[in-house]
Protein backbone atom coordinates (compact mmCIF):
# COMPACT_ATOMS: atom_id res chain seq x y z
CA MET A 1 0.00 0.00 0.00
CA ASP A 2 1.56 3.26 -1.25
CA PHE A 3 0.11 5.42 1.50
CA LEU A 4 2.16 3.41 4.01
CA ASN A 5 5.36 4.30 2.10
CA PRO A 6 6.42 7.89 3.01
CA ALA A 7 8.82 8.19 0.06
CA LYS A 8 6.17 7.22 -2.49
CA GLU A 9 3.63 9.51 -0.85
CA ARG A 10 6.08 12.42 -1.06
CA ARG A 11 6.78 11.74 -4.75
CA HIS A 12 3.00 11.58 -5.41
CA ARG A 13 2.46 14.96 -3.77
CA ILE A 14 5.33 16.52 -5.73
CA ALA A 15 3.90 15.17 -8.99
CA LEU A 16 0.44 16.44 -8.08
CA PHE A 17 1.74 19.94 -7.23
CA ALA A 18 3.80 19.96 -10.44
CA GLY A 19 0.64 19.10 -12.39
CA TYR A 20 -1.26 21.91 -10.71
CA LEU A 21 1.59 24.30 -11.48
CA LEU A 22 1.66 23.30 -15.15
CA VAL A 23 -2.12 23.75 -15.41
CA ALA A 24 -1.83 27.19 -13.77
CA ILE A 25 0.96 28.17 -16.15
CA ALA A 26 -1.11 26.95 -19.13
CA ILE A 27 -4.11 28.95 -17.95
CA ALA A 28 -1.94 32.05 -17.45
CA ILE A 29 -0.42 31.69 -20.92
CA ALA A 30 -3.85 31.15 -22.50
CA SER A 31 -5.28 34.15 -20.64
CA THR A 32 -2.34 36.29 -21.74
CA VAL A 33 -2.74 35.13 -25.35
CA LEU A 34 -6.48 35.88 -25.24
CA LEU A 35 -5.83 39.27 -23.63
CA TYR A 36 -3.33 40.25 -26.30
CA ALA A 37 -5.61 38.84 -29.00
CA SER A 38 -8.42 41.06 -27.69
CA TYR A 39 -6.10 44.01 -28.29
CA GLY A 40 -5.45 42.81 -31.81
CA TYR A 41 -2.05 41.21 -31.32
CA THR A 42 -1.16 38.31 -33.64
CA VAL A 43 1.96 36.40 -34.58
CA ASP A 44 2.77 35.99 -38.28
CA ARG A 45 4.56 33.04 -39.90
CA LYS A 46 7.93 34.63 -39.24
CA GLY A 47 7.19 34.87 -35.53
CA ASP A 48 6.82 38.64 -35.55
CA VAL A 49 4.20 40.12 -33.22
CA GLN A 50 1.76 42.46 -34.98
CA GLN A 51 -1.31 44.38 -33.82
CA ARG A 52 -4.52 44.39 -35.86
CA GLY A 53 -8.07 45.72 -35.83
CA LEU A 54 -11.32 44.46 -37.31
CA VAL A 55 -13.08 46.38 -40.07
CA PHE A 56 -16.52 45.30 -41.32
CA VAL A 57 -17.52 46.56 -44.77
CA SER A 58 -20.94 46.40 -46.42
CA SER A 59 -22.34 48.26 -49.41
CA GLN A 60 -25.24 48.95 -51.71
CA PRO A 61 -25.14 47.09 -54.03
CA THR A 62 -23.67 44.06 -52.27
CA GLY A 63 -20.89 42.03 -53.83
CA ALA A 64 -18.74 45.10 -54.49
CA SER A 65 -14.96 44.75 -54.50
CA VAL A 66 -13.13 45.86 -51.34
CA SER A 67 -9.55 47.06 -51.68
CA VAL A 68 -7.12 48.17 -48.96
CA ASP A 69 -4.16 50.31 -49.96
CA GLY A 70 -4.73 49.38 -53.60
CA VAL A 71 -4.87 45.61 -52.98
CA LYS A 72 -8.14 43.73 -53.44
CA LYS A 73 -9.06 41.91 -50.23
CA ALA A 74 -12.63 40.66 -50.57
CA VAL A 75 -16.15 41.55 -51.66
CA THR A 76 -18.91 43.05 -49.56
CA ASN A 77 -20.24 42.08 -47.12
CA THR A 78 -16.98 41.16 -45.41
CA LYS A 79 -14.72 41.32 -42.35
CA LEU A 80 -11.11 42.49 -42.65
CA GLU A 81 -8.23 42.16 -40.19
CA LEU A 82 -5.98 45.16 -40.79
CA HIS A 83 -2.66 46.16 -39.24
CA THR A 84 -2.63 49.17 -36.94
CA GLY A 85 -2.11 52.36 -38.93
CA ILE A 86 -3.58 54.49 -41.69
CA HIS A 87 -5.19 52.70 -44.65
CA THR A 88 -7.07 53.65 -47.78
CA LEU A 89 -10.34 51.71 -48.00
CA ARG A 90 -11.99 51.54 -51.42
CA VAL A 91 -15.29 49.94 -52.45
CA SER A 92 -15.96 49.58 -56.18
CA ALA A 93 -18.18 47.72 -58.63
CA GLU A 94 -18.51 47.62 -62.40
CA GLY A 95 -20.88 50.30 -63.65
CA TYR A 96 -20.61 52.34 -60.42
CA ARG A 97 -18.58 55.24 -59.08
CA SER A 98 -16.18 54.14 -56.37
CA TRP A 99 -16.49 54.94 -52.67
CA GLU A 100 -13.26 55.67 -50.83
CA ARG A 101 -12.00 57.00 -47.53
CA THR A 102 -8.89 57.01 -45.36
CA ILE A 103 -9.33 55.07 -42.12
CA ALA A 104 -7.23 54.85 -38.96
CA VAL A 105 -7.03 51.34 -37.50
CA THR A 106 -6.09 50.74 -33.87
CA GLY A 107 -5.19 47.35 -32.46
CA GLY A 108 -8.21 45.61 -30.98
CA ASP A 109 -10.50 48.23 -32.48
CA VAL A 110 -13.71 47.30 -34.30
CA GLN A 111 -15.02 49.58 -37.03
CA ARG A 112 -18.07 49.19 -39.23
CA TYR A 113 -18.54 50.75 -42.63
CA ASP A 114 -21.96 49.39 -43.45
CA TYR A 115 -23.14 52.42 -45.37
CA PRO A 116 -21.07 52.79 -48.62
CA PHE A 117 -23.62 53.76 -51.27
CA LEU A 118 -22.35 53.35 -54.83
CA ILE A 119 -23.81 55.63 -57.48
CA PRO A 120 -24.10 54.39 -61.10
CA THR A 121 -21.45 55.79 -63.43
CA ASN A 122 -24.15 56.83 -65.88
CA LEU A 123 -27.38 58.10 -64.35
CA SER A 124 -30.65 57.26 -66.09
CA THR A 125 -33.33 59.90 -65.48
CA THR A 126 -36.88 59.86 -66.83
CA THR A 127 -39.95 62.06 -66.37
CA SER A 128 -42.67 60.66 -64.11
CA ALA A 129 -45.18 63.54 -64.02
CA ASN A 130 -45.73 67.08 -65.33
CA TYR A 131 -46.95 69.95 -63.18
CA GLY A 132 -47.72 73.62 -63.65
CA SER A 133 -45.31 76.48 -63.37
CA ALA A 134 -45.46 76.67 -59.56
CA ILE A 135 -45.47 73.91 -56.97
CA GLU A 136 -46.68 74.95 -53.52
CA PHE A 137 -45.29 71.93 -51.71
CA ALA A 138 -44.13 68.34 -52.08
CA THR A 139 -43.92 66.00 -49.11
CA GLN A 140 -43.14 62.31 -48.61
CA SER A 141 -44.80 59.92 -46.16
CA PRO A 142 -42.71 58.37 -43.33
CA ASN A 143 -42.74 54.94 -45.00
CA ARG A 144 -41.40 56.59 -48.20
CA LYS A 145 -44.15 55.00 -50.28
CA ARG A 146 -46.17 58.13 -51.03
CA LEU A 147 -45.46 61.54 -52.48
CA LEU A 148 -48.02 64.32 -52.05
CA VAL A 149 -47.73 67.37 -54.33
CA LEU A 150 -49.80 70.53 -54.65
CA ASP A 151 -49.79 72.52 -57.88
CA LYS A 152 -50.70 76.17 -57.21
CA SER A 153 -52.83 76.19 -60.35
CA ALA A 154 -55.17 73.67 -58.67
CA PRO A 155 -55.19 74.57 -54.95
CA GLU A 156 -58.36 72.59 -54.25
CA GLN A 157 -56.79 69.19 -54.81
CA PHE A 158 -53.56 67.33 -54.13
CA SER A 159 -51.72 64.91 -56.39
CA LEU A 160 -50.84 61.65 -54.61
CA MET A 161 -48.31 59.31 -56.18
CA ALA A 162 -47.32 55.84 -55.01
CA ILE A 163 -43.56 55.66 -55.57
CA ASN A 164 -42.62 52.34 -53.96
CA ASP A 165 -42.40 50.70 -57.41
CA PRO A 166 -40.81 52.97 -60.06
CA LYS A 167 -42.08 50.72 -62.85
CA LYS A 168 -45.68 50.96 -61.67
CA LEU A 169 -46.20 54.52 -60.49
CA LYS A 170 -49.78 55.13 -59.44
CA SER A 171 -51.18 58.65 -59.36
CA SER A 172 -54.46 59.75 -57.83
CA ILE A 173 -56.21 62.95 -56.77
CA VAL A 174 -56.90 63.80 -53.13
CA LYS A 175 -59.81 66.21 -52.87
CA VAL A 176 -60.57 67.60 -49.42
CA PRO A 177 -64.36 68.00 -48.96
CA ASP A 178 -65.45 71.60 -49.58
CA ALA A 179 -67.56 71.63 -46.42
CA LEU A 180 -64.41 71.04 -44.39
CA ILE A 181 -62.58 74.12 -45.63
CA THR A 182 -63.18 77.78 -44.88
CA ALA A 183 -63.33 79.24 -48.38
CA GLY A 184 -62.62 82.86 -47.61
CA THR A 185 -61.92 85.28 -50.43
CA GLY A 186 -58.84 85.66 -52.59
CA VAL A 187 -55.74 83.54 -52.36
CA GLN A 188 -55.60 80.42 -50.21
CA SER A 189 -52.61 78.22 -49.46
CA TRP A 190 -51.68 74.90 -47.84
CA GLN A 191 -48.61 74.10 -45.79
CA PRO A 192 -47.84 70.52 -44.68
CA LEU A 193 -46.63 70.34 -41.07
CA GLU A 194 -46.07 66.67 -40.29
CA TRP A 195 -47.23 63.19 -41.24
CA ALA A 196 -48.73 60.84 -38.71
CA SER A 197 -46.84 57.60 -38.16
CA ASP A 198 -49.54 55.68 -40.06
CA SER A 199 -48.40 57.36 -43.34
CA LYS A 200 -52.07 58.02 -44.14
CA ASN A 201 -52.84 61.22 -42.27
CA ILE A 202 -51.03 64.53 -42.53
CA LEU A 203 -51.49 67.75 -40.53
CA PHE A 204 -51.84 70.95 -42.59
CA THR A 205 -52.27 74.62 -42.02
CA HIS A 206 -54.76 76.04 -44.48
CA SER A 207 -54.47 79.81 -44.91
CA TYR A 208 -57.34 81.88 -46.28
CA THR A 209 -58.38 85.54 -46.49
CA VAL A 210 -61.47 87.15 -44.98
CA GLU A 211 -61.98 90.90 -45.38
CA ALA A 212 -58.30 91.44 -46.21
CA GLN A 213 -57.33 89.54 -43.06
CA THR A 214 -55.25 86.35 -43.42
CA ASN A 215 -56.43 83.53 -41.18
CA LYS A 216 -55.38 79.94 -40.72
CA GLU A 217 -56.96 76.66 -39.70
CA TYR A 218 -55.52 73.22 -38.93
CA ILE A 219 -56.78 70.31 -41.00
CA VAL A 220 -55.83 66.64 -40.78
CA VAL A 221 -56.08 65.21 -44.29
CA ASN A 222 -56.53 61.47 -44.78
CA VAL A 223 -54.90 60.80 -48.17
CA GLU A 224 -56.50 57.34 -48.47
CA LYS A 225 -60.02 58.44 -47.56
CA PRO A 226 -60.31 62.23 -47.87
CA GLU A 227 -63.88 62.08 -46.57
CA LEU A 228 -62.42 61.15 -43.17
CA SER A 229 -60.35 64.35 -43.03
CA GLN A 230 -61.03 66.66 -40.08
CA ASN A 231 -60.88 70.39 -39.50
CA ILE A 232 -59.68 70.44 -35.91
CA SER A 233 -59.75 74.24 -35.70
CA LYS A 234 -63.52 74.21 -36.32
CA GLN A 235 -64.23 71.13 -34.24
CA LEU A 236 -62.37 72.41 -31.20
CA GLY A 237 -62.81 76.13 -31.68
CA LEU A 238 -59.08 76.81 -31.69
CA ALA A 239 -57.84 80.37 -31.42
CA GLN A 240 -56.14 81.81 -34.49
CA GLU A 241 -52.85 82.22 -32.62
CA GLU A 242 -52.63 78.62 -31.42
CA VAL A 243 -49.78 76.55 -32.88
CA VAL A 244 -50.68 72.88 -33.32
CA THR A 245 -48.44 69.82 -33.73
CA LEU A 246 -49.08 66.08 -33.54
CA PHE A 247 -48.79 64.34 -30.18
CA ASP A 248 -46.62 61.22 -30.59
CA LYS A 249 -47.31 61.33 -34.36
CA LYS A 250 -50.96 60.38 -33.81
CA PRO A 251 -53.61 61.83 -36.17
CA ASP A 252 -56.15 62.41 -33.39
CA HIS A 253 -53.96 63.68 -30.54
CA PHE A 254 -52.26 67.08 -30.54
CA TYR A 255 -50.10 69.62 -28.77
CA GLY A 256 -51.34 73.19 -28.74
CA TYR A 257 -49.12 76.16 -27.95
CA SER A 258 -50.40 79.65 -27.19
CA PRO A 259 -47.83 82.41 -27.95
CA SER A 260 -49.76 84.94 -25.85
CA THR A 261 -50.18 82.87 -22.66
CA LYS A 262 -47.05 80.78 -23.41
CA THR A 263 -48.79 77.59 -22.30
CA LEU A 264 -48.37 74.15 -23.86
CA ARG A 265 -51.34 71.80 -23.70
CA SER A 266 -52.43 68.48 -25.20
CA PHE A 267 -55.88 67.57 -26.51
CA THR A 268 -57.72 64.95 -28.54
CA ILE A 269 -60.50 65.22 -31.11
CA GLU A 270 -62.77 62.62 -29.54
CA SER A 271 -62.87 63.89 -25.98
CA GLN A 272 -62.37 67.55 -26.89
CA ASP A 273 -60.72 67.78 -23.49
CA SER A 274 -57.39 69.45 -22.97
CA ARG A 275 -54.90 69.70 -20.16
CA THR A 276 -52.20 72.28 -19.64
CA ILE A 277 -48.88 70.52 -19.55
CA LEU A 278 -46.46 73.38 -19.05
CA PRO A 279 -46.66 77.13 -18.28
CA ALA A 280 -44.33 79.95 -19.32
CA VAL A 281 -42.91 78.05 -22.30
CA LEU A 282 -40.71 80.05 -24.69
CA ALA A 283 -39.64 77.20 -27.00
CA TYR A 284 -40.13 73.45 -27.00
CA LYS A 285 -39.42 70.12 -28.69
CA THR A 286 -41.50 67.00 -28.06
CA TYR A 287 -40.57 63.33 -28.34
CA ALA A 288 -42.88 60.28 -28.22
CA ASN A 289 -45.74 60.59 -25.72
CA ASP A 290 -44.02 61.60 -22.49
CA THR A 291 -40.97 63.70 -23.29
CA VAL A 292 -40.73 67.47 -23.70
CA LEU A 293 -37.58 69.57 -23.91
CA TYR A 294 -38.47 73.21 -23.30
CA VAL A 295 -37.27 76.69 -22.39
CA THR A 296 -39.17 78.37 -19.57
CA SER A 297 -39.06 81.37 -17.25
CA GLN A 298 -40.64 79.22 -14.51
CA PRO A 299 -38.35 76.26 -13.75
CA PRO A 300 -39.91 73.16 -12.16
CA SER A 301 -38.29 74.02 -8.82
CA GLY A 302 -40.65 76.99 -8.68
CA LYS A 303 -37.74 79.31 -7.92
CA VAL A 304 -37.65 82.00 -10.58
CA ILE A 305 -34.14 83.26 -11.31
CA ALA A 306 -33.99 86.92 -12.27
CA ASP A 307 -32.90 87.66 -15.84
CA GLN A 308 -32.57 83.95 -16.66
CA VAL A 309 -34.56 81.23 -18.39
CA SER A 310 -34.10 77.51 -17.90
CA VAL A 311 -33.88 74.67 -20.40
CA VAL A 312 -35.75 71.74 -18.88
CA LEU A 313 -36.13 68.09 -19.87
CA GLN A 314 -39.38 66.47 -18.76
CA GLN A 315 -39.75 62.72 -19.17
CA GLY A 316 -42.90 61.40 -17.61
CA SER A 317 -43.14 62.84 -14.12
CA ARG A 318 -39.41 63.54 -13.86
CA THR A 319 -37.95 66.95 -14.71
CA THR A 320 -34.33 68.04 -14.92
CA THR A 321 -33.00 71.54 -15.54
CA LEU A 322 -30.13 71.18 -18.02
CA ARG A 323 -29.02 74.70 -18.79
CA ARG A 324 -29.77 78.36 -18.16
CA TYR A 325 -29.67 81.34 -20.50
CA SER A 326 -29.64 85.06 -19.85
CA THR A 327 -32.71 86.95 -20.98
CA ASN A 328 -30.44 89.75 -22.21
CA GLN A 329 -29.93 88.29 -25.67
CA PRO A 330 -30.55 89.82 -29.11
CA PRO A 331 -34.31 90.07 -29.81
CA ASP A 332 -34.11 87.73 -32.81
CA THR A 333 -32.46 84.94 -30.81
CA SER A 334 -34.07 81.52 -31.21
CA TYR A 335 -33.36 78.22 -29.45
CA LEU A 336 -32.14 74.99 -31.05
CA LEU A 337 -33.64 72.05 -29.18
CA ASP A 338 -33.77 68.40 -30.15
CA ILE A 339 -33.82 64.97 -28.53
CA ALA A 340 -33.40 61.39 -29.77
CA ARG A 341 -32.26 57.94 -28.72
CA TYR A 342 -29.28 56.09 -30.17
CA ASP A 343 -28.12 52.66 -29.01
CA SER A 344 -30.49 52.89 -26.01
CA GLN A 345 -28.90 56.18 -24.92
CA TRP A 346 -30.65 59.54 -24.70
CA TYR A 347 -29.04 62.45 -26.54
CA VAL A 348 -30.23 66.03 -26.05
CA THR A 349 -29.06 69.07 -28.01
CA ILE A 350 -29.33 72.61 -26.65
CA GLY A 351 -28.19 75.81 -28.28
CA SER A 352 -29.24 79.26 -29.37
CA THR A 353 -28.52 81.36 -32.43
CA ALA A 354 -26.48 83.66 -30.17
CA ASP A 355 -24.18 80.80 -29.05
CA LYS A 356 -20.86 79.66 -30.48
CA GLY A 357 -22.15 76.14 -30.91
CA VAL A 358 -24.55 73.48 -29.63
CA TYR A 359 -24.26 71.50 -26.40
CA VAL A 360 -24.86 67.74 -26.50
CA TYR A 361 -26.04 65.93 -23.37
CA LYS A 362 -25.95 62.15 -22.95
CA ASN A 363 -28.43 60.57 -20.52
CA PRO A 364 -28.64 63.84 -18.56
CA GLN A 365 -31.27 62.57 -16.13
CA THR A 366 -29.00 59.76 -14.89
CA GLN A 367 -26.17 62.05 -13.82
CA VAL A 368 -25.52 62.22 -10.07
CA LEU A 369 -25.57 65.90 -9.22
CA GLU A 370 -24.50 67.97 -6.27
CA THR A 371 -27.12 70.26 -4.78
CA GLY A 372 -27.72 73.25 -7.02
CA SER A 373 -25.54 71.98 -9.87
CA LEU A 374 -26.61 71.22 -13.46
CA PRO A 375 -25.82 68.18 -15.62
CA LYS A 376 -22.59 68.49 -17.55
CA PRO A 377 -22.68 68.48 -21.36
CA TRP A 378 -21.26 65.38 -23.04
CA ARG A 379 -19.87 67.26 -26.03
CA PHE A 380 -19.88 70.71 -27.62
CA ILE A 381 -20.28 71.10 -31.39
CA SER A 382 -18.50 74.33 -32.22
CA VAL A 383 -20.36 76.26 -34.95
CA ALA A 384 -20.65 80.01 -34.48
CA SER A 385 -24.23 81.36 -34.55
CA PRO A 386 -25.83 77.97 -35.28
CA ARG A 387 -29.09 78.09 -37.21
CA TYR A 388 -30.06 74.44 -37.60
CA VAL A 389 -29.70 71.17 -35.72
CA ALA A 390 -30.98 67.72 -36.75
CA PHE A 391 -30.38 64.06 -35.94
CA SER A 392 -29.77 61.61 -38.79
CA ASP A 393 -32.42 58.95 -39.48
CA THR A 394 -30.69 56.50 -37.14
CA ALA A 395 -29.85 59.27 -34.61
CA ARG A 396 -26.17 58.29 -34.73
CA PHE A 397 -25.17 61.69 -36.13
CA ILE A 398 -26.09 65.21 -35.05
CA LEU A 399 -25.87 67.92 -37.70
CA VAL A 400 -25.29 71.55 -36.69
CA GLN A 401 -25.23 74.19 -39.41
CA SER A 402 -24.76 77.91 -39.86
CA GLY A 403 -24.71 78.82 -43.55
CA ALA A 404 -21.79 76.98 -45.16
CA THR A 405 -20.26 76.00 -41.80
CA ILE A 406 -21.05 72.43 -40.74
CA GLY A 407 -20.40 70.42 -37.58
CA VAL A 408 -21.38 66.74 -37.26
CA TYR A 409 -21.09 64.70 -34.08
CA ASP A 410 -20.75 60.90 -34.40
CA ALA A 411 -22.22 59.14 -31.35
CA GLU A 412 -20.68 55.76 -32.26
CA MET A 413 -17.11 56.95 -32.86
CA VAL A 414 -17.48 59.75 -30.25
CA GLU A 415 -15.94 62.38 -32.50
CA THR A 416 -16.91 65.61 -34.22
CA LYS A 417 -16.19 66.57 -37.82
CA ARG A 418 -16.17 70.19 -38.95
CA TYR A 419 -16.02 71.50 -42.49
CA THR A 420 -17.15 74.23 -44.84
CA LEU A 421 -19.26 73.58 -47.92
CA THR A 422 -17.30 74.35 -51.08
CA ASP A 423 -20.35 73.97 -53.33
CA PRO A 424 -22.85 76.64 -52.24
CA MET A 425 -26.46 75.86 -51.44
CA ASP A 426 -28.89 77.28 -53.96
CA SER A 427 -31.50 79.68 -52.55
CA PRO A 428 -33.99 79.26 -50.87
CA GLN A 429 -32.29 76.35 -49.08
CA SER A 430 -31.11 77.18 -45.59
CA ASN A 431 -29.88 73.78 -44.42
CA LEU A 432 -28.78 70.34 -45.55
CA SER A 433 -31.17 67.38 -45.41
CA TRP A 434 -30.44 63.89 -44.11
CA MET A 435 -30.84 61.33 -46.87
CA ASP A 436 -30.63 58.42 -44.43
CA GLY A 437 -28.56 57.47 -41.40
CA HIS A 438 -25.21 58.51 -42.91
CA ARG A 439 -25.62 60.79 -45.94
CA LEU A 440 -26.61 64.39 -46.59
CA LEU A 441 -28.34 66.00 -49.56
CA TYR A 442 -28.68 69.50 -50.94
CA VAL A 443 -28.97 71.30 -54.28
CA SER A 444 -26.04 73.28 -55.66
CA GLN A 445 -25.97 75.02 -59.04
CA GLY A 446 -29.19 73.31 -60.01
CA LYS A 447 -28.10 69.74 -59.25
CA VAL A 448 -28.45 67.35 -56.31
CA VAL A 449 -25.31 66.89 -54.24
CA MET A 450 -25.01 63.75 -52.12
CA MET A 451 -22.19 63.24 -49.64
CA ASP A 452 -21.23 61.29 -46.54
CA TYR A 453 -21.84 62.94 -43.18
CA ASP A 454 -18.25 64.25 -43.05
CA ASN A 455 -18.17 65.80 -46.55
CA GLN A 456 -16.45 62.80 -48.14
CA ASN A 457 -17.51 60.87 -51.27
CA LYS A 458 -19.36 63.85 -52.69
CA GLN A 459 -21.45 62.97 -55.76
CA LEU A 460 -23.15 65.26 -58.26
CA LEU A 461 -26.50 63.83 -59.34
CA GLN A 462 -29.50 64.94 -61.41
CA PRO A 463 -31.04 68.44 -61.88
CA ALA A 464 -33.45 69.63 -59.17
CA LEU A 465 -35.27 72.69 -57.90
CA PRO A 466 -33.61 73.92 -54.68
CA GLY A 467 -36.91 74.61 -52.95
CA PHE A 468 -37.75 70.90 -52.79
CA LYS A 469 -35.47 68.24 -51.37
CA PRO A 470 -35.04 64.94 -53.28
CA PHE A 471 -37.13 61.91 -52.28
CA LEU A 472 -35.95 58.30 -52.05
CA ALA A 473 -38.00 55.18 -52.73
CA PRO A 474 -38.33 52.74 -49.80
CA ASP A 475 -35.53 50.51 -51.14
CA PHE A 476 -33.33 53.52 -52.01
CA HIS A 477 -33.03 52.25 -55.58
CA THR A 478 -34.74 55.32 -57.04
CA MET A 479 -34.47 59.05 -56.38
CA TYR A 480 -37.31 61.43 -57.25
CA THR A 481 -36.81 65.15 -57.76
CA LEU A 482 -38.83 68.15 -58.84
CA ALA A 483 -36.92 69.77 -61.68
CA PRO A 484 -37.46 72.49 -64.29
CA LEU A 485 -38.90 71.33 -67.59
CA MET A 486 -35.96 71.46 -69.99
CA THR A 487 -38.06 72.60 -72.95
CA ASP A 488 -39.90 75.19 -70.89
CA THR A 489 -38.15 76.62 -67.85
CA SER A 490 -41.49 77.80 -66.45
CA GLY A 491 -42.73 74.21 -66.16
CA VAL A 492 -42.00 71.68 -63.40
CA VAL A 493 -41.60 67.93 -63.78
CA LEU A 494 -41.19 65.05 -61.36
CA THR A 495 -38.21 62.96 -62.47
CA GLN A 496 -37.03 59.57 -61.33
CA THR A 497 -33.39 58.54 -61.40
CA ALA A 498 -32.24 54.94 -61.03
CA LEU A 499 -29.59 54.52 -58.35
CA VAL A 500 -28.94 50.96 -59.48
CA ALA A 501 -26.84 50.36 -62.60
CA GLN A 502 -28.89 49.02 -65.49
């Protein structure tokens, strides 16, 4: 029996401890290897240690060639392991213009370029519809399937076009019942405010003249069944001064703002009841059904601060004062407020036209604050005298603009890009438009300009009128624009341009 032999028992213990030690060493080595691998370290065939990062590349169309530093590596959609350093990434396909940018790769880093959008080398543009010499408005539904246009020569009816299939465009007339509209005398006009999320109803202001006095009324037009349209100004007896917007993008629930009393309320058509949400509101931005970002002279604490107004975020029953402004600002000063969610995080933008930029807050209501202190901004987008702020479709990017000066914050890469437009915007444009989650559009010298969020991969597209932004089909394979009739510059046509090579 070995346990009765002290020498054998000692050798057994030594062997056991040696085994434990070897296992511990193996685990330590494996952990170290995994740790270094997580930071992108690899060993090549020569035994040299190198550091790499992962780069994912997708494109429209798929199957495009991906080259790095002039060497073809793969086709989209793909994953690349690249050495730490600066590289030139190029995506190309036959019949398309190439997409290219310089990227910085850091060991262990993961980058995604899932947005390269290749434009056909030769654009094919055809006429889809003819309109009169003046278009009052053109607006696209949230699902991108419908385009609503009003020709000033026929102000009593709208032209509705289904654009989800460019080969089978369907046009129809939307006629709002006469009994619903206040006729007035002289010129009348329509201005679309916002679509409901159902892509069927749209809120309008209808302006009309009575005894040389211009009045307005709010009408919700159902483009599928115009007979179901509603004049909410008449139904609810709204005051002429009241400013109406949709509540949570619903066609029967609204916000109403009174410039004279500076109160913000909500109301519905069915109940005809209203409740005052906020008093002393100077400017506001709403989000979903329980979030309001607003400027007020009466902060929620109830303690009025002399010569100051507060910017407050209200979400449900919780309110947080984010920033304060002096009331001694130029009389034409306006506030730039917006709010969105990206990757489950709240982002809030606050600025004024008298500022040197726009403040960005991230999850401001979760910050732990000392008594009397305010949440700290996450970032500052430096653009002097900003005039416009907007989130991209995915809310990853925040655009801040003042004329030709642009600042764009990237919430995923946590960086800000600043640049100046070299191709001027044609009047009456005042700001760029988001095409999708990554690209911007505007009209310069009579043609559509498309570019990435940071002014790279700029593409010159088809002719367009600068007063109307381009519209994209749901699959982004076709772009629609209102353009001057080439044979008669006083005419307007709706054109469609294929963004897929034929």
